[in-house]
Every structure is written in C-alpha cells, then in structure tokens.
Amino acid sequence: MVLYQSANGSPSQAGRPGFFAASARSGAQSVRRLAGWLVAASMLLAAPALAMESRLDTILKRDKLIVSVMSTSAPNGFIDEKGELTGFEVEFARLIAKAMLGDPNKVEFMVTSVDGRFPSVLSGKADMGLSSVTRYPDRAVRLAFTTPYMDSGTAVVVRRDAGIKSLEDLNDPRVTLVAGNSTAMVDRAKRYAPQAKALFFDGDTAAALALKSGRANAYQADLAMAKWTVAQNPDDFELLPGLLGNINGNSVFMKPGDFPLWLAVDTIVQEYVSGSRYDEYRELYRKWYGSEPPAQRFYTVK
C-alpha cells in the first residue's frame, strides 16, 4: 500500500482505498446537479418572454383590428346623416387595417367619450386609438404614440357678430369660450383667456353647436376641426389668426410595452403620411379637410 502524507506529515485521505473513484463519482454528481439548476434557472428566466405574446400576433390571428374612436368630433369621427360612423380618423383606421390585414373592412370600432379614450387601450379592450389625441410629454409616460398622422394646433373659431378679432380679445368676461372636455383644452382656456367664461362638452360636435346656437361666441379646437367648422358655416363663423400655443401632432396611441405592435403601426403610419402610400393619404386628407396635406418630403427627389 502506498501512503501519502499531507504537508504536516500526517497520513492523507488520498491514501485510502477507492478514494479517487469516490471523488470522481461525487464530482460527476455535483456537475449534474449544477447543470440541472442551470437548466431550471434558464427556463424560469425564459418563461415570461415566452408568455408575452405581442398583441400584433393576436390581431393577425383574430384577423380584425379593434380601434377606439370618437363619434362627436367632426370631421375626424362622427355620425353622418345616414346614421353611419365616418370621418377622417375612421377612414384612416380602415387604411391601417388594409395595410395590416389586407382589407379595410377588417376593423371593429369602439366608440368612446373624451374621458374614455385612454382607458379603452390601457384596459386592453382596443388595440389602438385614433381620436384626435395630441402627443404630449406627460402623456408619453403612460401611452405609446406613433409618428403623428397629421400636424395640428389649437385654433379659435368665433361668430362673425361677436366683435372678436384676435386671440387677445378672448380674455374678456363678455366672451364665452367652448371646447371639447380634455385636460389640454381646459388648461388653454385658463392660460389664454382666464377672464372669459369657459364651457366644456363631451366632444367637438356639441361645442360647435353651442357656438352655432349663440350660447357661446368662441370655440377652441384642433386646427383641422376649426377649419372644417368654418367651411360648414362660412357666413356665420370666422377663424382667428394664430394658434393658442405651439404646433403639435395627433397620433395613433396604444398601450405601452409592446414594441412589435408599435413598430408595425408606426411604420404603416409613416408610409401613408410620407412614404409609399402617400397618394391614398393625400386623397383622404383632401376629402375631409378640403386642402392639401403637408408635402410628402421637404425636398425634391431628382
């Protein structure tokens, strides 16, 4: 028998019969246990990723798009004389369905109030929303926005008999300023016309009716809606020069955290607004706003 000594001269355990074989078996078992733990850990880490299917996959399997819109904001979304839901945003949603699913009719509309716009997508009931929503930094922390599908800004329509000639004239207790009931409109009324009487309605259609009936003499709205309102009543209304605040953009909005869906919809919007489908977008814009949309590019391709 061969004896092994440790550094202090005492017999080593390595000298015992079968020591190396036992050590090898023990080492192999440890490796197998470690490998098992690693596999289990990797499965646990991968499970959330496997479980998180993009809503884009759901839409494609469902073969239908569910879009939140409004029915009280002509010309973007409203009920026409035939009782049908129509408007620029309604038809633009159909263009998105056409690009995504190959058919503009593969869309279901969920009509909401102003206050119901964001909950409709955050709750998961709607895939996305098109309801005259402006991108703001404070909104971006709880919603995902695409590239704007139209430039906008807040303009003011007044009655021709009101004697209001400028935005500065709005800050007067004799002025009744109406608008749709959104936080942004309320803030603008306080900022630019604190002395005026402010009234807010669930949608622009009701606000415009208040102006037409004489209940109000000024109406603030997105620029496109303001122009459309004047075009429908050129003898009674006029558009004040300038905007309340800066130029901004209206965007498709959706629940945040789903990059594949956002990327697909954002790409589709860009292709309509400034890319390969611009001719369809321009035709739709002309139809509802009676004017040319922004140019496809700010430069000329030669």
Protein backbone atom coordinates (compact mmCIF):
# COMPACT_ATOMS: atom_id res chain seq x y z
CA MET A 1 0.00 0.00 0.00
CA VAL A 2 1.28 3.43 -0.94
CA LEU A 3 0.99 6.02 1.80
CA TYR A 4 0.59 9.70 1.06
CA GLN A 5 1.41 12.36 3.52
CA SER A 6 -0.04 15.80 3.91
CA ALA A 7 2.11 18.85 4.25
CA ASN A 8 2.30 18.40 8.05
CA GLY A 9 3.43 14.78 7.71
CA SER A 10 0.14 13.11 8.74
CA PRO A 11 -1.41 10.44 6.52
CA SER A 12 -3.63 11.88 3.76
CA GLN A 13 -7.15 10.66 2.94
CA ALA A 14 -5.91 10.13 -0.60
CA GLY A 15 -4.17 7.06 0.67
CA ARG A 16 -7.44 5.28 1.47
CA PRO A 17 -8.64 2.61 -0.97
CA GLY A 18 -11.21 3.82 -3.50
CA PHE A 19 -10.68 7.47 -2.65
CA PHE A 20 -10.16 8.66 -6.24
CA ALA A 21 -13.13 6.69 -7.60
CA ALA A 22 -15.42 8.08 -4.89
CA SER A 23 -14.18 11.57 -5.55
CA ALA A 24 -14.86 11.17 -9.28
CA ARG A 25 -18.40 9.93 -8.62
CA SER A 26 -19.05 12.82 -6.24
CA GLY A 27 -17.71 15.33 -8.76
CA ALA A 28 -19.88 13.94 -11.54
CA GLN A 29 -22.95 14.16 -9.33
CA SER A 30 -22.15 17.78 -8.48
CA VAL A 31 -21.78 18.65 -12.16
CA ARG A 32 -25.12 17.01 -12.94
CA ARG A 33 -26.83 18.90 -10.11
CA LEU A 34 -25.30 22.17 -11.28
CA ALA A 35 -26.39 21.51 -14.85
CA GLY A 36 -29.92 20.79 -13.64
CA TRP A 37 -30.03 24.00 -11.65
CA LEU A 38 -28.83 26.00 -14.67
CA VAL A 39 -31.47 24.47 -16.93
CA ALA A 40 -34.20 25.19 -14.37
CA ALA A 41 -33.00 28.76 -13.91
CA SER A 42 -32.89 29.38 -17.66
CA MET A 43 -36.44 28.05 -18.04
CA LEU A 44 -37.67 30.34 -15.29
CA LEU A 45 -36.00 33.33 -16.91
CA ALA A 46 -37.34 32.48 -20.34
CA ALA A 47 -40.90 31.81 -19.19
CA PRO A 48 -42.05 35.48 -19.07
CA ALA A 49 -40.62 36.11 -22.54
CA LEU A 50 -42.37 33.03 -23.94
CA ALA A 51 -45.64 34.01 -22.25
CA MET A 52 -45.62 37.61 -23.51
CA GLU A 53 -47.15 37.32 -26.96
CA SER A 54 -47.32 40.60 -28.84
CA ARG A 55 -50.79 42.00 -29.46
CA LEU A 56 -49.73 42.11 -33.11
CA ASP A 57 -49.84 38.29 -33.11
CA THR A 58 -53.30 38.44 -31.53
CA ILE A 59 -54.53 40.85 -34.21
CA LEU A 60 -53.19 38.69 -37.02
CA LYS A 61 -54.78 35.55 -35.56
CA ARG A 62 -58.07 37.37 -34.92
CA ASP A 63 -57.91 38.82 -38.45
CA LYS A 64 -59.53 42.00 -37.23
CA LEU A 65 -58.40 45.31 -35.81
CA ILE A 66 -60.20 46.88 -32.83
CA VAL A 67 -59.85 50.67 -32.83
CA SER A 68 -61.07 53.22 -30.31
CA VAL A 69 -62.61 56.31 -31.97
CA MET A 70 -64.98 59.15 -31.15
CA SER A 71 -68.34 59.90 -32.73
CA THR A 72 -68.68 63.51 -31.58
CA SER A 73 -65.69 65.17 -33.25
CA ALA A 74 -66.46 66.10 -36.84
CA PRO A 75 -64.76 65.81 -39.26
CA ASN A 76 -62.48 63.25 -37.59
CA GLY A 77 -65.10 60.92 -36.16
CA PHE A 78 -68.86 61.49 -36.22
CA ILE A 79 -72.25 60.05 -37.17
CA ASP A 80 -73.39 61.29 -40.59
CA GLU A 81 -76.93 61.94 -41.84
CA LYS A 82 -77.26 58.26 -42.76
CA GLY A 83 -76.51 57.25 -39.19
CA GLU A 84 -73.11 55.83 -40.13
CA LEU A 85 -69.83 56.33 -38.31
CA THR A 86 -67.41 58.16 -40.57
CA GLY A 87 -64.72 60.84 -40.66
CA PHE A 88 -61.03 61.24 -41.37
CA GLU A 89 -59.80 59.16 -38.42
CA VAL A 90 -62.38 56.44 -39.01
CA GLU A 91 -61.28 56.09 -42.63
CA PHE A 92 -57.60 56.32 -41.71
CA ALA A 93 -58.15 53.40 -39.32
CA ARG A 94 -59.51 51.49 -42.30
CA LEU A 95 -56.31 52.26 -44.21
CA ILE A 96 -54.27 50.84 -41.33
CA ALA A 97 -56.43 47.69 -41.39
CA LYS A 98 -55.90 47.46 -45.14
CA ALA A 99 -52.11 47.66 -44.73
CA MET A 100 -52.04 45.24 -41.80
CA LEU A 101 -54.71 42.68 -42.78
CA GLY A 102 -55.26 43.30 -46.48
CA ASP A 103 -58.85 44.54 -46.13
CA PRO A 104 -60.09 47.99 -44.98
CA ASN A 105 -63.25 46.39 -43.59
CA LYS A 106 -61.40 44.15 -41.14
CA VAL A 107 -61.82 46.67 -38.35
CA GLU A 108 -64.19 46.98 -35.42
CA PHE A 109 -64.76 50.44 -33.96
CA MET A 110 -65.13 51.06 -30.24
CA VAL A 111 -66.81 54.44 -29.76
CA THR A 112 -65.73 56.27 -26.61
CA SER A 113 -66.15 59.63 -24.92
CA VAL A 114 -63.25 62.04 -24.45
CA ASP A 115 -62.57 60.59 -20.99
CA GLY A 116 -62.80 57.02 -22.28
CA ARG A 117 -60.12 57.32 -24.96
CA PHE A 118 -57.08 56.29 -22.92
CA PRO A 119 -58.80 53.64 -20.75
CA SER A 120 -60.01 51.91 -23.92
CA VAL A 121 -56.45 50.92 -24.84
CA LEU A 122 -54.92 50.68 -21.36
CA SER A 123 -57.60 48.17 -20.40
CA GLY A 124 -56.80 46.05 -23.45
CA LYS A 125 -60.29 46.38 -24.92
CA ALA A 126 -58.99 48.18 -28.02
CA ASP A 127 -55.80 47.51 -29.95
CA MET A 128 -55.17 51.20 -30.56
CA GLY A 129 -56.94 54.53 -30.69
CA LEU A 130 -57.48 57.29 -33.24
CA SER A 131 -59.45 60.03 -31.56
CA SER A 132 -57.82 63.43 -32.07
CA VAL A 133 -55.19 62.76 -29.42
CA THR A 134 -52.20 65.07 -29.32
CA ARG A 135 -48.79 63.80 -28.25
CA TYR A 136 -47.59 65.48 -25.06
CA PRO A 137 -44.61 64.56 -22.85
CA ASP A 138 -46.83 63.87 -19.83
CA ARG A 139 -48.98 61.50 -21.90
CA ALA A 140 -45.93 59.67 -23.23
CA VAL A 141 -45.19 58.21 -19.80
CA ARG A 142 -48.39 56.14 -19.88
CA LEU A 143 -49.17 55.70 -23.58
CA ALA A 144 -47.22 54.68 -26.68
CA PHE A 145 -47.57 57.11 -29.61
CA THR A 146 -46.78 56.66 -33.28
CA THR A 147 -45.39 59.29 -35.61
CA PRO A 148 -48.15 61.92 -35.99
CA TYR A 149 -50.60 61.27 -38.80
CA MET A 150 -51.37 64.96 -39.01
CA ASP A 151 -50.00 68.28 -37.83
CA SER A 152 -52.26 70.26 -35.61
CA GLY A 153 -52.53 73.12 -33.21
CA THR A 154 -55.32 74.79 -31.28
CA ALA A 155 -57.22 77.42 -33.26
CA VAL A 156 -60.23 79.52 -32.33
CA VAL A 157 -63.45 79.94 -34.30
CA VAL A 158 -65.65 82.93 -33.45
CA ARG A 159 -69.04 84.18 -34.51
CA ARG A 160 -68.79 86.99 -37.04
CA ASP A 161 -71.19 89.09 -34.98
CA ALA A 162 -69.12 88.71 -31.77
CA GLY A 163 -66.67 91.52 -32.50
CA ILE A 164 -63.70 89.29 -31.57
CA LYS A 165 -60.80 90.00 -33.92
CA SER A 166 -57.73 88.50 -32.21
CA LEU A 167 -56.69 85.85 -29.70
CA GLU A 168 -56.04 88.64 -27.20
CA ASP A 169 -59.71 89.64 -27.39
CA LEU A 170 -60.69 86.29 -25.86
CA ASN A 171 -59.57 87.36 -22.40
CA ASP A 172 -62.75 89.22 -21.65
CA PRO A 173 -65.65 88.41 -19.28
CA ARG A 174 -68.08 89.01 -22.16
CA VAL A 175 -66.57 86.05 -24.06
CA THR A 176 -67.93 82.52 -23.66
CA LEU A 177 -65.26 80.10 -24.89
CA VAL A 178 -66.31 76.49 -25.54
CA ALA A 179 -64.33 73.34 -26.33
CA GLY A 180 -64.25 69.58 -26.01
CA ASN A 181 -63.68 68.42 -22.45
CA SER A 182 -59.99 67.48 -22.38
CA THR A 183 -57.31 68.49 -19.90
CA ALA A 184 -55.37 70.31 -22.62
CA MET A 185 -58.38 72.45 -23.63
CA VAL A 186 -59.16 73.30 -20.02
CA ASP A 187 -55.54 74.35 -19.43
CA ARG A 188 -55.50 76.55 -22.55
CA ALA A 189 -58.69 78.32 -21.55
CA LYS A 190 -57.19 79.12 -18.15
CA ARG A 191 -53.88 80.23 -19.66
CA TYR A 192 -55.04 82.37 -22.59
CA ALA A 193 -58.49 83.55 -21.50
CA PRO A 194 -58.74 83.44 -17.69
CA GLN A 195 -61.38 86.18 -17.63
CA ALA A 196 -63.65 84.51 -20.17
CA LYS A 197 -66.43 82.12 -19.26
CA ALA A 198 -65.33 78.61 -20.27
CA LEU A 199 -67.69 75.73 -21.08
CA PHE A 200 -66.62 72.21 -21.97
CA PHE A 201 -68.54 69.47 -23.77
CA ASP A 202 -68.09 65.77 -24.43
CA GLY A 203 -66.84 66.26 -27.97
CA ASP A 204 -66.34 68.98 -30.54
CA THR A 205 -69.70 68.50 -32.22
CA ALA A 206 -71.55 69.68 -29.12
CA ALA A 207 -69.13 72.59 -28.65
CA ALA A 208 -69.62 73.72 -32.26
CA LEU A 209 -73.41 73.52 -31.81
CA ALA A 210 -73.11 75.79 -28.77
CA LEU A 211 -71.31 78.31 -30.97
CA LYS A 212 -73.90 78.00 -33.74
CA SER A 213 -76.85 78.42 -31.35
CA GLY A 214 -75.38 81.58 -29.85
CA ARG A 215 -74.79 80.02 -26.44
CA ALA A 216 -71.08 80.79 -26.99
CA ASN A 217 -69.23 83.28 -29.16
CA ALA A 218 -65.84 81.50 -29.37
CA TYR A 219 -64.81 77.88 -29.85
CA GLN A 220 -61.32 76.39 -29.49
CA ALA A 221 -60.48 73.18 -31.37
CA ASP A 222 -57.77 71.36 -33.27
CA LEU A 223 -56.85 73.36 -36.36
CA ALA A 224 -58.34 70.84 -38.80
CA MET A 225 -61.66 70.78 -36.92
CA ALA A 226 -61.69 74.56 -36.67
CA LYS A 227 -61.16 74.96 -40.44
CA TRP A 228 -63.86 72.38 -41.15
CA THR A 229 -66.33 74.15 -38.84
CA VAL A 230 -65.77 77.46 -40.62
CA ALA A 231 -66.12 75.78 -44.03
CA GLN A 232 -69.53 74.41 -42.97
CA ASN A 233 -70.69 77.85 -41.75
CA PRO A 234 -68.79 80.50 -43.74
CA ASP A 235 -71.46 83.19 -43.31
CA ASP A 236 -71.63 82.85 -39.53
CA PHE A 237 -68.12 81.88 -38.40
CA GLU A 238 -64.56 83.02 -38.96
CA LEU A 239 -61.15 81.71 -37.91
CA LEU A 240 -58.97 83.95 -35.76
CA PRO A 241 -55.37 84.32 -36.96
CA GLY A 242 -52.72 82.40 -35.00
CA LEU A 243 -52.79 79.46 -32.61
CA LEU A 244 -53.20 79.02 -28.87
CA GLY A 245 -49.72 77.61 -28.21
CA ASN A 246 -47.41 75.69 -30.50
CA ILE A 247 -47.89 73.43 -33.48
CA ASN A 248 -48.27 69.83 -32.35
CA GLY A 249 -49.25 66.46 -33.81
CA ASN A 250 -52.12 63.98 -33.48
CA SER A 251 -51.01 60.35 -33.23
CA VAL A 252 -52.27 56.80 -33.04
CA PHE A 253 -51.97 55.69 -29.40
CA MET A 254 -51.79 52.28 -27.75
CA LYS A 255 -50.86 50.52 -24.54
CA PRO A 256 -47.10 50.82 -23.92
CA GLY A 257 -44.67 47.93 -23.67
CA ASP A 258 -45.47 46.14 -26.95
CA PHE A 259 -42.63 47.03 -29.32
CA PRO A 260 -43.63 44.73 -32.24
CA LEU A 261 -47.13 46.24 -32.41
CA TRP A 262 -45.87 49.80 -32.04
CA LEU A 263 -43.20 49.30 -34.72
CA ALA A 264 -45.70 47.83 -37.20
CA VAL A 265 -48.28 50.59 -36.72
CA ASP A 266 -45.69 53.37 -36.68
CA THR A 267 -44.18 52.09 -39.93
CA ILE A 268 -47.64 51.92 -41.54
CA VAL A 269 -48.44 55.48 -40.45
CA GLN A 270 -45.15 56.77 -41.84
CA GLU A 271 -45.73 55.02 -45.16
CA TYR A 272 -49.10 56.75 -45.52
CA VAL A 273 -48.02 60.17 -44.32
CA SER A 274 -44.73 60.44 -46.20
CA GLY A 275 -43.90 57.17 -47.95
CA SER A 276 -45.15 54.58 -50.41
CA ARG A 277 -48.88 55.06 -49.64
CA TYR A 278 -48.86 58.87 -49.66
CA ASP A 279 -51.30 59.11 -52.59
CA GLU A 280 -54.01 57.36 -50.54
CA TYR A 281 -53.35 59.60 -47.55
CA ARG A 282 -53.46 62.75 -49.69
CA GLU A 283 -56.79 61.72 -51.21
CA LEU A 284 -58.27 61.12 -47.75
CA TYR A 285 -56.93 64.42 -46.40
CA ARG A 286 -58.35 66.38 -49.34
CA LYS A 287 -61.73 64.70 -48.92
CA TRP A 288 -62.20 65.67 -45.27
CA TYR A 289 -60.25 68.92 -44.91
CA GLY A 290 -60.61 70.42 -48.37
CA SER A 291 -56.93 71.31 -48.56
CA GLU A 292 -53.56 69.78 -49.32
CA PRO A 293 -51.75 67.79 -46.62
CA PRO A 294 -48.13 68.57 -45.80
CA ALA A 295 -45.81 67.69 -48.66
CA GLN A 296 -44.51 64.12 -48.79
CA ARG A 297 -40.94 65.40 -48.49
CA PHE A 298 -39.48 68.84 -47.80
CA TYR A 299 -37.05 68.21 -50.67
CA THR A 300 -37.37 67.11 -54.29
CA VAL A 301 -36.09 63.75 -55.47
CA LYS A 302 -34.36 64.05 -58.86
